[in-house]
Amino acid sequence: MGNCDLIINVKGIEYLIETKKFYSLKRFKEGKTQLTYYCSRRNIDEGVYIVFIENHLDIEDVEEAKETIDGVSINTYLIRYDEETDF
């Protein structure tokens, strides 16, 4: 695994942000695992997972949520877009 997409430092506190475009449920879940790894490696207990998903897709297991994976709190946010109109 490489590095996190974005690290924001606010007054000495680091926030890790991972972004993905939704392609499949498997890759969606792998992104959460990837962010958990990055947070654990930097000893950070919370990460933000931003997923871009096409408007017409309605996948049951893909939703905004806050969950804990291996002791790391993952906040998932979905940004819906229309491929034809560029958001």
PDB file of N, CA and C in Angstrom:
ATOM      1  N   MET A   1       0.832  -1.189   0.000  1.00  0.00           N
ATOM      2  CA  MET A   1       0.000   0.000   0.000  1.00  0.00           C
ATOM      3  C   MET A   1       0.871   1.244   0.000  1.00  0.00           C
ATOM      4  N   GLY A   2       0.362   2.265  -0.631  1.00  0.00           N
ATOM      5  CA  GLY A   2       1.103   3.519  -0.759  1.00  0.00           C
ATOM      6  C   GLY A   2       0.811   4.466   0.380  1.00  0.00           C
ATOM      7  N   ASN A   3       0.419   5.660   0.019  1.00  0.00           N
ATOM      8  CA  ASN A   3       0.141   6.702   1.005  1.00  0.00           C
ATOM      9  C   ASN A   3      -1.285   7.209   0.860  1.00  0.00           C
ATOM     10  N   CYS A   4      -1.756   7.857   1.894  1.00  0.00           N
ATOM     11  CA  CYS A   4      -3.097   8.422   1.917  1.00  0.00           C
ATOM     12  C   CYS A   4      -3.203   9.546   0.883  1.00  0.00           C
ATOM     13  N   ASP A   5      -4.396   9.768   0.356  1.00  0.00           N
ATOM     14  CA  ASP A   5      -4.617  10.806  -0.650  1.00  0.00           C
ATOM     15  C   ASP A   5      -4.367  12.206  -0.116  1.00  0.00           C
ATOM     16  N   LEU A   6      -4.836  12.474   1.103  1.00  0.00           N
ATOM     17  CA  LEU A   6      -4.741  13.829   1.633  1.00  0.00           C
ATOM     18  C   LEU A   6      -4.570  13.780   3.148  1.00  0.00           C
ATOM     19  N   ILE A   7      -3.617  14.545   3.640  1.00  0.00           N
ATOM     20  CA  ILE A   7      -3.424  14.694   5.081  1.00  0.00           C
ATOM     21  C   ILE A   7      -3.551  16.179   5.384  1.00  0.00           C
ATOM     22  N   ILE A   8      -4.475  16.499   6.272  1.00  0.00           N
ATOM     23  CA  ILE A   8      -4.679  17.891   6.671  1.00  0.00           C
ATOM     24  C   ILE A   8      -4.214  18.030   8.114  1.00  0.00           C
ATOM     25  N   ASN A   9      -3.398  19.042   8.363  1.00  0.00           N
ATOM     26  CA  ASN A   9      -2.892  19.290   9.706  1.00  0.00           C
ATOM     27  C   ASN A   9      -3.504  20.596  10.207  1.00  0.00           C
ATOM     28  N   VAL A  10      -4.305  20.496  11.268  1.00  0.00           N
ATOM     29  CA  VAL A  10      -4.935  21.660  11.871  1.00  0.00           C
ATOM     30  C   VAL A  10      -4.470  21.757  13.312  1.00  0.00           C
ATOM     31  N   LYS A  11      -3.690  22.784  13.589  1.00  0.00           N
ATOM     32  CA  LYS A  11      -3.164  23.015  14.935  1.00  0.00           C
ATOM     33  C   LYS A  11      -2.491  21.773  15.503  1.00  0.00           C
ATOM     34  N   GLY A  12      -1.711  21.107  14.653  1.00  0.00           N
ATOM     35  CA  GLY A  12      -0.947  19.948  15.095  1.00  0.00           C
ATOM     36  C   GLY A  12      -1.698  18.632  15.091  1.00  0.00           C
ATOM     37  N   ILE A  13      -2.966  18.650  14.720  1.00  0.00           N
ATOM     38  CA  ILE A  13      -3.755  17.417  14.652  1.00  0.00           C
ATOM     39  C   ILE A  13      -3.897  17.031  13.186  1.00  0.00           C
ATOM     40  N   GLU A  14      -3.528  15.783  12.853  1.00  0.00           N
ATOM     41  CA  GLU A  14      -3.607  15.318  11.481  1.00  0.00           C
ATOM     42  C   GLU A  14      -4.928  14.602  11.215  1.00  0.00           C
ATOM     43  N   TYR A  15      -5.491  14.894  10.047  1.00  0.00           N
ATOM     44  CA  TYR A  15      -6.707  14.243   9.567  1.00  0.00           C
ATOM     45  C   TYR A  15      -6.373  13.572   8.243  1.00  0.00           C
ATOM     46  N   LEU A  16      -6.642  12.276   8.121  1.00  0.00           N
ATOM     47  CA  LEU A  16      -6.380  11.544   6.892  1.00  0.00           C
ATOM     48  C   LEU A  16      -7.664  11.424   6.085  1.00  0.00           C
ATOM     49  N   ILE A  17      -7.557  11.710   4.793  1.00  0.00           N
ATOM     50  CA  ILE A  17      -8.709  11.649   3.896  1.00  0.00           C
ATOM     51  C   ILE A  17      -8.348  10.774   2.711  1.00  0.00           C
ATOM     52  N   GLU A  18      -9.169   9.780   2.448  1.00  0.00           N
ATOM     53  CA  GLU A  18      -9.001   8.898   1.297  1.00  0.00           C
ATOM     54  C   GLU A  18     -10.186   9.121   0.358  1.00  0.00           C
ATOM     55  N   THR A  19      -9.908   9.283  -0.930  1.00  0.00           N
ATOM     56  CA  THR A  19     -10.981   9.500  -1.907  1.00  0.00           C
ATOM     57  C   THR A  19     -10.955   8.382  -2.943  1.00  0.00           C
ATOM     58  N   LYS A  20     -12.136   8.007  -3.394  1.00  0.00           N
ATOM     59  CA  LYS A  20     -12.273   6.972  -4.422  1.00  0.00           C
ATOM     60  C   LYS A  20     -13.485   7.280  -5.292  1.00  0.00           C
ATOM     61  N   LYS A  21     -13.443   6.794  -6.507  1.00  0.00           N
ATOM     62  CA  LYS A  21     -14.631   6.759  -7.356  1.00  0.00           C
ATOM     63  C   LYS A  21     -15.211   5.358  -7.213  1.00  0.00           C
ATOM     64  N   PHE A  22     -16.532   5.257  -7.075  1.00  0.00           N
ATOM     65  CA  PHE A  22     -17.152   3.942  -6.891  1.00  0.00           C
ATOM     66  C   PHE A  22     -17.131   3.158  -8.202  1.00  0.00           C
ATOM     67  N   TYR A  23     -16.529   1.972  -8.145  1.00  0.00           N
ATOM     68  CA  TYR A  23     -16.533   1.058  -9.285  1.00  0.00           C
ATOM     69  C   TYR A  23     -17.234  -0.252  -8.945  1.00  0.00           C
ATOM     70  N   SER A  24     -17.038  -0.705  -7.693  1.00  0.00           N
ATOM     71  CA  SER A  24     -17.659  -1.963  -7.270  1.00  0.00           C
ATOM     72  C   SER A  24     -17.709  -1.994  -5.748  1.00  0.00           C
ATOM     73  N   LEU A  25     -18.561  -2.852  -5.225  1.00  0.00           N
ATOM     74  CA  LEU A  25     -18.677  -3.002  -3.775  1.00  0.00           C
ATOM     75  C   LEU A  25     -17.354  -3.496  -3.190  1.00  0.00           C
ATOM     76  N   LYS A  26     -16.687  -4.385  -3.897  1.00  0.00           N
ATOM     77  CA  LYS A  26     -15.405  -4.916  -3.425  1.00  0.00           C
ATOM     78  C   LYS A  26     -14.380  -3.787  -3.269  1.00  0.00           C
ATOM     79  N   ARG A  27     -14.271  -2.933  -4.271  1.00  0.00           N
ATOM     80  CA  ARG A  27     -13.298  -1.837  -4.208  1.00  0.00           C
ATOM     81  C   ARG A  27     -13.703  -0.795  -3.173  1.00  0.00           C
ATOM     82  N   PHE A  28     -15.017  -0.614  -2.974  1.00  0.00           N
ATOM     83  CA  PHE A  28     -15.515   0.297  -1.940  1.00  0.00           C
ATOM     84  C   PHE A  28     -15.027  -0.161  -0.567  1.00  0.00           C
ATOM     85  N   LYS A  29     -15.164  -1.452  -0.302  1.00  0.00           N
ATOM     86  CA  LYS A  29     -14.729  -2.012   0.978  1.00  0.00           C
ATOM     87  C   LYS A  29     -13.209  -1.994   1.114  1.00  0.00           C
ATOM     88  N   GLU A  30     -12.499  -2.244   0.022  1.00  0.00           N
ATOM     89  CA  GLU A  30     -11.038  -2.206   0.060  1.00  0.00           C
ATOM     90  C   GLU A  30     -10.528  -0.807   0.413  1.00  0.00           C
ATOM     91  N   GLY A  31     -11.248   0.219  -0.037  1.00  0.00           N
ATOM     92  CA  GLY A  31     -10.870   1.593   0.291  1.00  0.00           C
ATOM     93  C   GLY A  31     -10.930   1.856   1.786  1.00  0.00           C
ATOM     94  N   LYS A  32     -11.925   1.297   2.449  1.00  0.00           N
ATOM     95  CA  LYS A  32     -12.027   1.450   3.906  1.00  0.00           C
ATOM     96  C   LYS A  32     -10.858   0.751   4.601  1.00  0.00           C
ATOM     97  N   THR A  33     -10.530  -0.433   4.123  1.00  0.00           N
ATOM     98  CA  THR A  33      -9.397  -1.171   4.681  1.00  0.00           C
ATOM     99  C   THR A  33      -8.100  -0.397   4.467  1.00  0.00           C
ATOM    100  N   GLN A  34      -7.959   0.179   3.297  1.00  0.00           N
ATOM    101  CA  GLN A  34      -6.772   0.971   2.975  1.00  0.00           C
ATOM    102  C   GLN A  34      -6.651   2.166   3.926  1.00  0.00           C
ATOM    103  N   LEU A  35      -7.737   2.894   4.140  1.00  0.00           N
ATOM    104  CA  LEU A  35      -7.719   4.045   5.042  1.00  0.00           C
ATOM    105  C   LEU A  35      -7.423   3.612   6.473  1.00  0.00           C
ATOM    106  N   THR A  36      -7.992   2.498   6.891  1.00  0.00           N
ATOM    107  CA  THR A  36      -7.711   1.969   8.235  1.00  0.00           C
ATOM    108  C   THR A  36      -6.217   1.698   8.401  1.00  0.00           C
ATOM    109  N   TYR A  37      -5.613   1.110   7.387  1.00  0.00           N
ATOM    110  CA  TYR A  37      -4.176   0.836   7.417  1.00  0.00           C
ATOM    111  C   TYR A  37      -3.378   2.136   7.549  1.00  0.00           C
ATOM    112  N   TYR A  38      -3.705   3.129   6.725  1.00  0.00           N
ATOM    113  CA  TYR A  38      -2.994   4.409   6.768  1.00  0.00           C
ATOM    114  C   TYR A  38      -3.101   5.063   8.150  1.00  0.00           C
ATOM    115  N   CYS A  39      -4.310   5.061   8.710  1.00  0.00           N
ATOM    116  CA  CYS A  39      -4.511   5.665  10.033  1.00  0.00           C
ATOM    117  C   CYS A  39      -3.705   4.919  11.096  1.00  0.00           C
ATOM    118  N   SER A  40      -3.764   3.594  11.066  1.00  0.00           N
ATOM    119  CA  SER A  40      -3.027   2.790  12.041  1.00  0.00           C
ATOM    120  C   SER A  40      -1.536   3.037  11.939  1.00  0.00           C
ATOM    121  N   ARG A  41      -1.034   3.129  10.717  1.00  0.00           N
ATOM    122  CA  ARG A  41       0.397   3.347  10.491  1.00  0.00           C
ATOM    123  C   ARG A  41       0.861   4.688  11.058  1.00  0.00           C
ATOM    124  N   ARG A  42      -0.008   5.696  11.039  1.00  0.00           N
ATOM    125  CA  ARG A  42       0.342   7.023  11.554  1.00  0.00           C
ATOM    126  C   ARG A  42      -0.156   7.239  12.984  1.00  0.00           C
ATOM    127  N   ASN A  43      -0.733   6.182  13.592  1.00  0.00           N
ATOM    128  CA  ASN A  43      -1.258   6.242  14.950  1.00  0.00           C
ATOM    129  C   ASN A  43      -2.358   7.308  15.085  1.00  0.00           C
ATOM    130  N   ILE A  44      -3.250   7.326  14.100  1.00  0.00           N
ATOM    131  CA  ILE A  44      -4.397   8.246  14.087  1.00  0.00           C
ATOM    132  C   ILE A  44      -5.656   7.395  14.227  1.00  0.00           C
ATOM    133  N   ASP A  45      -6.567   7.814  15.104  1.00  0.00           N
ATOM    134  CA  ASP A  45      -7.727   6.967  15.398  1.00  0.00           C
ATOM    135  C   ASP A  45      -8.984   7.303  14.594  1.00  0.00           C
ATOM    136  N   GLU A  46      -8.885   8.227  13.626  1.00  0.00           N
ATOM    137  CA  GLU A  46     -10.069   8.582  12.839  1.00  0.00           C
ATOM    138  C   GLU A  46      -9.660   8.992  11.430  1.00  0.00           C
ATOM    139  N   GLY A  47     -10.426   8.536  10.426  1.00  0.00           N
ATOM    140  CA  GLY A  47     -10.164   8.883   9.040  1.00  0.00           C
ATOM    141  C   GLY A  47     -11.454   9.236   8.312  1.00  0.00           C
ATOM    142  N   VAL A  48     -11.308   9.943   7.202  1.00  0.00           N
ATOM    143  CA  VAL A  48     -12.452  10.351   6.385  1.00  0.00           C
ATOM    144  C   VAL A  48     -12.333   9.669   5.024  1.00  0.00           C
ATOM    145  N   TYR A  49     -13.417   9.019   4.600  1.00  0.00           N
ATOM    146  CA  TYR A  49     -13.472   8.282   3.340  1.00  0.00           C
ATOM    147  C   TYR A  49     -14.522   8.946   2.461  1.00  0.00           C
ATOM    148  N   ILE A  50     -14.070   9.563   1.368  1.00  0.00           N
ATOM    149  CA  ILE A  50     -14.982  10.252   0.448  1.00  0.00           C
ATOM    150  C   ILE A  50     -15.077   9.431  -0.831  1.00  0.00           C
ATOM    151  N   VAL A  51     -16.308   9.072  -1.197  1.00  0.00           N
ATOM    152  CA  VAL A  51     -16.532   8.230  -2.368  1.00  0.00           C
ATOM    153  C   VAL A  51     -17.439   8.964  -3.348  1.00  0.00           C
ATOM    154  N   PHE A  52     -16.964   9.085  -4.575  1.00  0.00           N
ATOM    155  CA  PHE A  52     -17.748   9.688  -5.649  1.00  0.00           C
ATOM    156  C   PHE A  52     -18.539   8.577  -6.328  1.00  0.00           C
ATOM    157  N   ILE A  53     -19.862   8.763  -6.413  1.00  0.00           N
ATOM    158  CA  ILE A  53     -20.729   7.714  -6.942  1.00  0.00           C
ATOM    159  C   ILE A  53     -21.736   8.330  -7.911  1.00  0.00           C
ATOM    160  N   GLU A  54     -21.915   7.682  -9.046  1.00  0.00           N
ATOM    161  CA  GLU A  54     -22.839   8.187 -10.059  1.00  0.00           C
ATOM    162  C   GLU A  54     -24.268   8.214  -9.521  1.00  0.00           C
ATOM    163  N   ASN A  55     -25.007   9.263  -9.894  1.00  0.00           N
ATOM    164  CA  ASN A  55     -26.382   9.456  -9.411  1.00  0.00           C
ATOM    165  C   ASN A  55     -27.287   8.250  -9.645  1.00  0.00           C
ATOM    166  N   HIS A  56     -27.142   7.601 -10.773  1.00  0.00           N
ATOM    167  CA  HIS A  56     -28.074   6.522 -11.114  1.00  0.00           C
ATOM    168  C   HIS A  56     -27.800   5.218 -10.360  1.00  0.00           C
ATOM    169  N   LEU A  57     -26.690   5.128  -9.655  1.00  0.00           N
ATOM    170  CA  LEU A  57     -26.373   3.908  -8.907  1.00  0.00           C
ATOM    171  C   LEU A  57     -27.030   3.929  -7.531  1.00  0.00           C
ATOM    172  N   ASP A  58     -27.658   2.828  -7.179  1.00  0.00           N
ATOM    173  CA  ASP A  58     -28.263   2.684  -5.858  1.00  0.00           C
ATOM    174  C   ASP A  58     -27.864   1.309  -5.327  1.00  0.00           C
ATOM    175  N   ILE A  59     -26.736   1.267  -4.633  1.00  0.00           N
ATOM    176  CA  ILE A  59     -26.189   0.019  -4.114  1.00  0.00           C
ATOM    177  C   ILE A  59     -26.533  -0.065  -2.628  1.00  0.00           C
ATOM    178  N   GLU A  60     -27.135  -1.176  -2.236  1.00  0.00           N
ATOM    179  CA  GLU A  60     -27.641  -1.343  -0.868  1.00  0.00           C
ATOM    180  C   GLU A  60     -26.576  -1.142   0.208  1.00  0.00           C
ATOM    181  N   ASP A  61     -25.386  -1.679   0.028  1.00  0.00           N
ATOM    182  CA  ASP A  61     -24.356  -1.626   1.071  1.00  0.00           C
ATOM    183  C   ASP A  61     -23.442  -0.416   0.967  1.00  0.00           C
ATOM    184  N   VAL A  62     -23.774   0.540   0.109  1.00  0.00           N
ATOM    185  CA  VAL A  62     -22.960   1.745  -0.042  1.00  0.00           C
ATOM    186  C   VAL A  62     -23.756   2.910   0.517  1.00  0.00           C
ATOM    187  N   GLU A  63     -23.333   3.390   1.688  1.00  0.00           N
ATOM    188  CA  GLU A  63     -24.053   4.476   2.339  1.00  0.00           C
ATOM    189  C   GLU A  63     -23.105   5.278   3.218  1.00  0.00           C
ATOM    190  N   GLU A  64     -23.536   6.498   3.519  1.00  0.00           N
ATOM    191  CA  GLU A  64     -22.761   7.307   4.453  1.00  0.00           C
ATOM    192  C   GLU A  64     -22.900   6.691   5.837  1.00  0.00           C
ATOM    193  N   ALA A  65     -21.785   6.614   6.534  1.00  0.00           N
ATOM    194  CA  ALA A  65     -21.819   5.966   7.847  1.00  0.00           C
ATOM    195  C   ALA A  65     -20.578   6.312   8.640  1.00  0.00           C
ATOM    196  N   LYS A  66     -20.682   6.094   9.925  1.00  0.00           N
ATOM    197  CA  LYS A  66     -19.524   6.154  10.812  1.00  0.00           C
ATOM    198  C   LYS A  66     -19.393   4.767  11.412  1.00  0.00           C
ATOM    199  N   GLU A  67     -18.229   4.177  11.227  1.00  0.00           N
ATOM    200  CA  GLU A  67     -18.021   2.821  11.732  1.00  0.00           C
ATOM    201  C   GLU A  67     -16.593   2.691  12.250  1.00  0.00           C
ATOM    202  N   THR A  68     -16.374   1.666  13.041  1.00  0.00           N
ATOM    203  CA  THR A  68     -15.044   1.410  13.577  1.00  0.00           C
ATOM    204  C   THR A  68     -14.515   0.123  12.965  1.00  0.00           C
ATOM    205  N   ILE A  69     -13.320   0.230  12.387  1.00  0.00           N
ATOM    206  CA  ILE A  69     -12.665  -0.924  11.785  1.00  0.00           C
ATOM    207  C   ILE A  69     -11.290  -1.045  12.426  1.00  0.00           C
ATOM    208  N   ASP A  70     -11.045  -2.162  13.084  1.00  0.00           N
ATOM    209  CA  ASP A  70      -9.753  -2.406  13.747  1.00  0.00           C
ATOM    210  C   ASP A  70      -9.332  -1.236  14.633  1.00  0.00           C
ATOM    211  N   GLY A  71     -10.274  -0.678  15.369  1.00  0.00           N
ATOM    212  CA  GLY A  71      -9.986   0.394  16.310  1.00  0.00           C
ATOM    213  C   GLY A  71      -9.898   1.780  15.709  1.00  0.00           C
ATOM    214  N   VAL A  72     -10.136   1.904  14.389  1.00  0.00           N
ATOM    215  CA  VAL A  72     -10.081   3.198  13.710  1.00  0.00           C
ATOM    216  C   VAL A  72     -11.499   3.593  13.303  1.00  0.00           C
ATOM    217  N   SER A  73     -11.891   4.814  13.661  1.00  0.00           N
ATOM    218  CA  SER A  73     -13.205   5.336  13.290  1.00  0.00           C
ATOM    219  C   SER A  73     -13.136   5.852  11.855  1.00  0.00           C
ATOM    220  N   ILE A  74     -13.984   5.302  10.989  1.00  0.00           N
ATOM    221  CA  ILE A  74     -14.029   5.693   9.576  1.00  0.00           C
ATOM    222  C   ILE A  74     -15.356   6.398   9.312  1.00  0.00           C
ATOM    223  N   ASN A  75     -15.263   7.647   8.848  1.00  0.00           N
ATOM    224  CA  ASN A  75     -16.439   8.430   8.476  1.00  0.00           C
ATOM    225  C   ASN A  75     -16.548   8.413   6.960  1.00  0.00           C
ATOM    226  N   THR A  76     -17.592   7.785   6.438  1.00  0.00           N
ATOM    227  CA  THR A  76     -17.781   7.663   4.991  1.00  0.00           C
ATOM    228  C   THR A  76     -18.803   8.682   4.519  1.00  0.00           C
ATOM    229  N   TYR A  77     -18.420   9.422   3.453  1.00  0.00           N
ATOM    230  CA  TYR A  77     -19.302  10.405   2.830  1.00  0.00           C
ATOM    231  C   TYR A  77     -19.401  10.097   1.344  1.00  0.00           C
ATOM    232  N   LEU A  78     -20.618  10.148   0.816  1.00  0.00           N
ATOM    233  CA  LEU A  78     -20.847   9.913  -0.602  1.00  0.00           C
ATOM    234  C   LEU A  78     -21.100  11.235  -1.305  1.00  0.00           C
ATOM    235  N   ILE A  79     -20.449  11.415  -2.424  1.00  0.00           N
ATOM    236  CA  ILE A  79     -20.703  12.588  -3.259  1.00  0.00           C
ATOM    237  C   ILE A  79     -21.254  12.065  -4.572  1.00  0.00           C
ATOM    238  N   ARG A  80     -22.521  12.348  -4.792  1.00  0.00           N
ATOM    239  CA  ARG A  80     -23.191  11.868  -6.002  1.00  0.00           C
ATOM    240  C   ARG A  80     -22.953  12.851  -7.140  1.00  0.00           C
ATOM    241  N   TYR A  81     -22.820  12.297  -8.333  1.00  0.00           N
ATOM    242  CA  TYR A  81     -22.572  13.141  -9.497  1.00  0.00           C
ATOM    243  C   TYR A  81     -23.226  12.532 -10.732  1.00  0.00           C
ATOM    244  N   ASP A  82     -23.361  13.358 -11.752  1.00  0.00           N
ATOM    245  CA  ASP A  82     -23.901  12.952 -13.040  1.00  0.00           C
ATOM    246  C   ASP A  82     -22.764  13.015 -14.054  1.00  0.00           C
ATOM    247  N   GLU A  83     -22.401  11.894 -14.614  1.00  0.00           N
ATOM    248  CA  GLU A  83     -21.268  11.811 -15.538  1.00  0.00           C
ATOM    249  C   GLU A  83     -21.434  12.758 -16.733  1.00  0.00           C
ATOM    250  N   GLU A  84     -22.652  12.939 -17.198  1.00  0.00           N
ATOM    251  CA  GLU A  84     -22.896  13.772 -18.382  1.00  0.00           C
ATOM    252  C   GLU A  84     -22.763  15.267 -18.097  1.00  0.00           C
ATOM    253  N   THR A  85     -23.062  15.690 -16.887  1.00  0.00           N
ATOM    254  CA  THR A  85     -23.022  17.116 -16.588  1.00  0.00           C
ATOM    255  C   THR A  85     -21.829  17.510 -15.713  1.00  0.00           C
ATOM    256  N   ASP A  86     -20.905  16.576 -15.486  1.00  0.00           N
ATOM    257  CA  ASP A  86     -19.749  16.844 -14.619  1.00  0.00           C
ATOM    258  C   ASP A  86     -20.169  17.346 -13.244  1.00  0.00           C
ATOM    259  N   PHE A  87     -21.077  16.661 -12.614  1.00  0.00           N
ATOM    260  CA  PHE A  87     -21.588  16.915 -11.271  1.00  0.00           C
ATOM    261  C   PHE A  87     -22.859  17.675 -11.401  1.00  0.00           C
TER     262      PHE A  87
END
